[in-house]
Amino acid sequence: MPDPEFEKLLELCSKWTNDDAEYIFDCSLKDDAPDDVKKAFEKLKKMQKEYDDAGILV
């Protein structure tokens, strides 16, 4: 189970991603995404990689 920060980041970033891939982590951000969303998306992808490496399914 992901922590609350992960859930918040996922919700924020999902509003700013293009639907150009099957999984949100493979999507690109919209061109007009604010800098804080770009930073949050990078953090979200890093957290997802850590979950994957630990074998935690999200």
PDB file of N, CA and C in Angstrom:
ATOM      1  N   MET A   1       0.852  -1.186   0.000  1.00  0.00           N
ATOM      2  CA  MET A   1       0.000   0.000   0.000  1.00  0.00           C
ATOM      3  C   MET A   1       0.893   1.242   0.000  1.00  0.00           C
ATOM      4  N   PRO A   2       0.710   2.112  -0.978  1.00  0.00           N
ATOM      5  CA  PRO A   2       1.524   3.329  -1.029  1.00  0.00           C
ATOM      6  C   PRO A   2       1.174   4.286   0.094  1.00  0.00           C
ATOM      7  N   ASP A   3       2.145   5.134   0.420  1.00  0.00           N
ATOM      8  CA  ASP A   3       1.882   6.097   1.489  1.00  0.00           C
ATOM      9  C   ASP A   3       1.027   7.255   0.965  1.00  0.00           C
ATOM     10  N   PRO A   4       0.469   8.050   1.860  1.00  0.00           N
ATOM     11  CA  PRO A   4      -0.423   9.144   1.449  1.00  0.00           C
ATOM     12  C   PRO A   4       0.240  10.148   0.511  1.00  0.00           C
ATOM     13  N   GLU A   5       1.539  10.390   0.688  1.00  0.00           N
ATOM     14  CA  GLU A   5       2.238  11.324  -0.197  1.00  0.00           C
ATOM     15  C   GLU A   5       2.191  10.826  -1.649  1.00  0.00           C
ATOM     16  N   PHE A   6       2.404   9.527  -1.830  1.00  0.00           N
ATOM     17  CA  PHE A   6       2.345   8.935  -3.163  1.00  0.00           C
ATOM     18  C   PHE A   6       0.967   9.167  -3.774  1.00  0.00           C
ATOM     19  N   GLU A   7      -0.063   8.930  -3.000  1.00  0.00           N
ATOM     20  CA  GLU A   7      -1.436   9.119  -3.490  1.00  0.00           C
ATOM     21  C   GLU A   7      -1.698  10.570  -3.899  1.00  0.00           C
ATOM     22  N   LYS A   8      -1.221  11.512  -3.093  1.00  0.00           N
ATOM     23  CA  LYS A   8      -1.405  12.925  -3.408  1.00  0.00           C
ATOM     24  C   LYS A   8      -0.666  13.310  -4.680  1.00  0.00           C
ATOM     25  N   LEU A   9       0.563  12.829  -4.819  1.00  0.00           N
ATOM     26  CA  LEU A   9       1.347  13.122  -6.016  1.00  0.00           C
ATOM     27  C   LEU A   9       0.685  12.525  -7.257  1.00  0.00           C
ATOM     28  N   LEU A  10       0.194  11.313  -7.112  1.00  0.00           N
ATOM     29  CA  LEU A  10      -0.463  10.646  -8.230  1.00  0.00           C
ATOM     30  C   LEU A  10      -1.693  11.424  -8.680  1.00  0.00           C
ATOM     31  N   GLU A  11      -2.474  11.883  -7.730  1.00  0.00           N
ATOM     32  CA  GLU A  11      -3.680  12.649  -8.060  1.00  0.00           C
ATOM     33  C   GLU A  11      -3.321  13.962  -8.757  1.00  0.00           C
ATOM     34  N   LEU A  12      -2.330  14.669  -8.228  1.00  0.00           N
ATOM     35  CA  LEU A  12      -1.900  15.935  -8.815  1.00  0.00           C
ATOM     36  C   LEU A  12      -1.384  15.725 -10.241  1.00  0.00           C
ATOM     37  N   CYS A  13      -0.500  14.761 -10.405  1.00  0.00           N
ATOM     38  CA  CYS A  13       0.140  14.557 -11.699  1.00  0.00           C
ATOM     39  C   CYS A  13      -0.823  14.016 -12.747  1.00  0.00           C
ATOM     40  N   SER A  14      -1.791  13.248 -12.331  1.00  0.00           N
ATOM     41  CA  SER A  14      -2.724  12.668 -13.300  1.00  0.00           C
ATOM     42  C   SER A  14      -3.529  13.748 -14.022  1.00  0.00           C
ATOM     43  N   LYS A  15      -3.675  14.899 -13.400  1.00  0.00           N
ATOM     44  CA  LYS A  15      -4.402  16.010 -14.024  1.00  0.00           C
ATOM     45  C   LYS A  15      -3.569  16.703 -15.107  1.00  0.00           C
ATOM     46  N   TRP A  16      -2.247  16.472 -15.081  1.00  0.00           N
ATOM     47  CA  TRP A  16      -1.347  17.178 -15.985  1.00  0.00           C
ATOM     48  C   TRP A  16      -0.646  16.274 -16.993  1.00  0.00           C
ATOM     49  N   THR A  17      -1.000  15.007 -17.031  1.00  0.00           N
ATOM     50  CA  THR A  17      -0.348  14.106 -17.987  1.00  0.00           C
ATOM     51  C   THR A  17      -1.175  13.985 -19.258  1.00  0.00           C
ATOM     52  N   ASN A  18      -0.462  13.747 -20.333  1.00  0.00           N
ATOM     53  CA  ASN A  18      -1.106  13.405 -21.596  1.00  0.00           C
ATOM     54  C   ASN A  18      -1.442  11.924 -21.513  1.00  0.00           C
ATOM     55  N   ASP A  19      -2.497  11.516 -22.128  1.00  0.00           N
ATOM     56  CA  ASP A  19      -2.856  10.100 -22.122  1.00  0.00           C
ATOM     57  C   ASP A  19      -2.181   9.411 -23.304  1.00  0.00           C
ATOM     58  N   ASP A  20      -0.841   9.448 -23.316  1.00  0.00           N
ATOM     59  CA  ASP A  20      -0.097   8.929 -24.449  1.00  0.00           C
ATOM     60  C   ASP A  20       0.618   7.613 -24.152  1.00  0.00           C
ATOM     61  N   ALA A  21       0.270   6.994 -23.029  1.00  0.00           N
ATOM     62  CA  ALA A  21       0.848   5.694 -22.683  1.00  0.00           C
ATOM     63  C   ALA A  21      -0.142   4.954 -21.782  1.00  0.00           C
ATOM     64  N   GLU A  22       0.082   3.655 -21.659  1.00  0.00           N
ATOM     65  CA  GLU A  22      -0.838   2.830 -20.869  1.00  0.00           C
ATOM     66  C   GLU A  22      -0.771   3.167 -19.378  1.00  0.00           C
ATOM     67  N   TYR A  23       0.437   3.419 -18.897  1.00  0.00           N
ATOM     68  CA  TYR A  23       0.628   3.710 -17.471  1.00  0.00           C
ATOM     69  C   TYR A  23       1.041   5.169 -17.293  1.00  0.00           C
ATOM     70  N   ILE A  24       0.573   5.784 -16.225  1.00  0.00           N
ATOM     71  CA  ILE A  24       0.872   7.201 -15.981  1.00  0.00           C
ATOM     72  C   ILE A  24       2.375   7.461 -15.937  1.00  0.00           C
ATOM     73  N   PHE A  25       3.146   6.497 -15.452  1.00  0.00           N
ATOM     74  CA  PHE A  25       4.586   6.700 -15.308  1.00  0.00           C
ATOM     75  C   PHE A  25       5.301   6.738 -16.649  1.00  0.00           C
ATOM     76  N   ASP A  26       4.637   6.268 -17.691  1.00  0.00           N
ATOM     77  CA  ASP A  26       5.200   6.299 -19.038  1.00  0.00           C
ATOM     78  C   ASP A  26       4.641   7.452 -19.864  1.00  0.00           C
ATOM     79  N   CYS A  27       3.716   8.206 -19.298  1.00  0.00           N
ATOM     80  CA  CYS A  27       3.101   9.334 -20.001  1.00  0.00           C
ATOM     81  C   CYS A  27       4.032  10.541 -19.968  1.00  0.00           C
ATOM     82  N   SER A  28       3.746  11.479 -20.820  1.00  0.00           N
ATOM     83  CA  SER A  28       4.446  12.754 -20.773  1.00  0.00           C
ATOM     84  C   SER A  28       3.534  13.779 -20.102  1.00  0.00           C
ATOM     85  N   LEU A  29       4.152  14.830 -19.597  1.00  0.00           N
ATOM     86  CA  LEU A  29       3.374  15.913 -19.004  1.00  0.00           C
ATOM     87  C   LEU A  29       2.947  16.890 -20.091  1.00  0.00           C
ATOM     88  N   LYS A  30       1.836  17.539 -19.852  1.00  0.00           N
ATOM     89  CA  LYS A  30       1.374  18.579 -20.776  1.00  0.00           C
ATOM     90  C   LYS A  30       2.399  19.712 -20.800  1.00  0.00           C
ATOM     91  N   ASP A  31       2.518  20.360 -21.935  1.00  0.00           N
ATOM     92  CA  ASP A  31       3.510  21.428 -22.103  1.00  0.00           C
ATOM     93  C   ASP A  31       3.338  22.560 -21.109  1.00  0.00           C
ATOM     94  N   ASP A  32       2.106  22.824 -20.700  1.00  0.00           N
ATOM     95  CA  ASP A  32       1.861  23.950 -19.793  1.00  0.00           C
ATOM     96  C   ASP A  32       1.827  23.538 -18.315  1.00  0.00           C
ATOM     97  N   ALA A  33       2.355  22.355 -18.011  1.00  0.00           N
ATOM     98  CA  ALA A  33       2.390  21.903 -16.611  1.00  0.00           C
ATOM     99  C   ALA A  33       3.305  22.819 -15.798  1.00  0.00           C
ATOM    100  N   PRO A  34       2.851  23.251 -14.631  1.00  0.00           N
ATOM    101  CA  PRO A  34       3.678  24.112 -13.775  1.00  0.00           C
ATOM    102  C   PRO A  34       4.936  23.377 -13.288  1.00  0.00           C
ATOM    103  N   ASP A  35       5.923  24.143 -12.886  1.00  0.00           N
ATOM    104  CA  ASP A  35       7.183  23.565 -12.419  1.00  0.00           C
ATOM    105  C   ASP A  35       6.992  22.645 -11.218  1.00  0.00           C
ATOM    106  N   ASP A  36       6.077  23.010 -10.298  1.00  0.00           N
ATOM    107  CA  ASP A  36       5.868  22.164  -9.130  1.00  0.00           C
ATOM    108  C   ASP A  36       5.295  20.802  -9.528  1.00  0.00           C
ATOM    109  N   VAL A  37       4.500  20.766 -10.593  1.00  0.00           N
ATOM    110  CA  VAL A  37       3.957  19.500 -11.080  1.00  0.00           C
ATOM    111  C   VAL A  37       5.069  18.675 -11.723  1.00  0.00           C
ATOM    112  N   LYS A  38       5.956  19.334 -12.441  1.00  0.00           N
ATOM    113  CA  LYS A  38       7.086  18.628 -13.057  1.00  0.00           C
ATOM    114  C   LYS A  38       7.957  17.978 -11.985  1.00  0.00           C
ATOM    115  N   LYS A  39       8.224  18.711 -10.916  1.00  0.00           N
ATOM    116  CA  LYS A  39       9.018  18.168  -9.807  1.00  0.00           C
ATOM    117  C   LYS A  39       8.270  17.032  -9.124  1.00  0.00           C
ATOM    118  N   ALA A  40       6.982  17.196  -8.936  1.00  0.00           N
ATOM    119  CA  ALA A  40       6.169  16.162  -8.300  1.00  0.00           C
ATOM    120  C   ALA A  40       6.142  14.900  -9.157  1.00  0.00           C
ATOM    121  N   PHE A  41       6.087  15.056 -10.474  1.00  0.00           N
ATOM    122  CA  PHE A  41       6.049  13.907 -11.374  1.00  0.00           C
ATOM    123  C   PHE A  41       7.362  13.138 -11.312  1.00  0.00           C
ATOM    124  N   GLU A  42       8.474  13.851 -11.249  1.00  0.00           N
ATOM    125  CA  GLU A  42       9.776  13.179 -11.122  1.00  0.00           C
ATOM    126  C   GLU A  42       9.855  12.425  -9.795  1.00  0.00           C
ATOM    127  N   LYS A  43       9.363  13.047  -8.731  1.00  0.00           N
ATOM    128  CA  LYS A  43       9.367  12.389  -7.418  1.00  0.00           C
ATOM    129  C   LYS A  43       8.457  11.168  -7.435  1.00  0.00           C
ATOM    130  N   LEU A  44       7.317  11.285  -8.076  1.00  0.00           N
ATOM    131  CA  LEU A  44       6.375  10.173  -8.183  1.00  0.00           C
ATOM    132  C   LEU A  44       7.000   8.999  -8.927  1.00  0.00           C
ATOM    133  N   LYS A  45       7.679   9.284 -10.030  1.00  0.00           N
ATOM    134  CA  LYS A  45       8.324   8.214 -10.788  1.00  0.00           C
ATOM    135  C   LYS A  45       9.435   7.554  -9.971  1.00  0.00           C
ATOM    136  N   LYS A  46      10.170   8.346  -9.193  1.00  0.00           N
ATOM    137  CA  LYS A  46      11.224   7.800  -8.338  1.00  0.00           C
ATOM    138  C   LYS A  46      10.620   6.890  -7.264  1.00  0.00           C
ATOM    139  N   MET A  47       9.519   7.345  -6.662  1.00  0.00           N
ATOM    140  CA  MET A  47       8.856   6.536  -5.641  1.00  0.00           C
ATOM    141  C   MET A  47       8.339   5.232  -6.249  1.00  0.00           C
ATOM    142  N   GLN A  48       7.784   5.302  -7.450  1.00  0.00           N
ATOM    143  CA  GLN A  48       7.277   4.106  -8.113  1.00  0.00           C
ATOM    144  C   GLN A  48       8.408   3.121  -8.376  1.00  0.00           C
ATOM    145  N   LYS A  49       9.567   3.630  -8.797  1.00  0.00           N
ATOM    146  CA  LYS A  49      10.715   2.756  -9.036  1.00  0.00           C
ATOM    147  C   LYS A  49      11.138   2.072  -7.740  1.00  0.00           C
ATOM    148  N   GLU A  50      11.133   2.816  -6.642  1.00  0.00           N
ATOM    149  CA  GLU A  50      11.479   2.231  -5.347  1.00  0.00           C
ATOM    150  C   GLU A  50      10.483   1.137  -4.967  1.00  0.00           C
ATOM    151  N   TYR A  51       9.195   1.375  -5.205  1.00  0.00           N
ATOM    152  CA  TYR A  51       8.183   0.347  -4.941  1.00  0.00           C
ATOM    153  C   TYR A  51       8.421  -0.873  -5.821  1.00  0.00           C
ATOM    154  N   ASP A  52       8.705  -0.636  -7.098  1.00  0.00           N
ATOM    155  CA  ASP A  52       8.970  -1.753  -8.015  1.00  0.00           C
ATOM    156  C   ASP A  52      10.175  -2.555  -7.557  1.00  0.00           C
ATOM    157  N   ASP A  53      11.238  -1.860  -7.184  1.00  0.00           N
ATOM    158  CA  ASP A  53      12.461  -2.547  -6.737  1.00  0.00           C
ATOM    159  C   ASP A  53      12.218  -3.357  -5.469  1.00  0.00           C
ATOM    160  N   ALA A  54      11.302  -2.892  -4.626  1.00  0.00           N
ATOM    161  CA  ALA A  54      10.991  -3.596  -3.383  1.00  0.00           C
ATOM    162  C   ALA A  54       9.928  -4.674  -3.587  1.00  0.00           C
ATOM    163  N   GLY A  55       9.387  -4.754  -4.796  1.00  0.00           N
ATOM    164  CA  GLY A  55       8.361  -5.753  -5.078  1.00  0.00           C
ATOM    165  C   GLY A  55       6.986  -5.393  -4.574  1.00  0.00           C
ATOM    166  N   ILE A  56       6.759  -4.107  -4.336  1.00  0.00           N
ATOM    167  CA  ILE A  56       5.465  -3.630  -3.854  1.00  0.00           C
ATOM    168  C   ILE A  56       4.602  -3.241  -5.049  1.00  0.00           C
ATOM    169  N   LEU A  57       3.438  -3.840  -5.148  1.00  0.00           N
ATOM    170  CA  LEU A  57       2.520  -3.514  -6.239  1.00  0.00           C
ATOM    171  C   LEU A  57       1.634  -2.350  -5.841  1.00  0.00           C
ATOM    172  N   VAL A  58       1.520  -1.392  -6.738  1.00  0.00           N
ATOM    173  CA  VAL A  58       0.685  -0.218  -6.499  1.00  0.00           C
ATOM    174  C   VAL A  58      -0.450  -0.229  -7.484  1.00  0.00           C
TER     175      VAL A  58
END
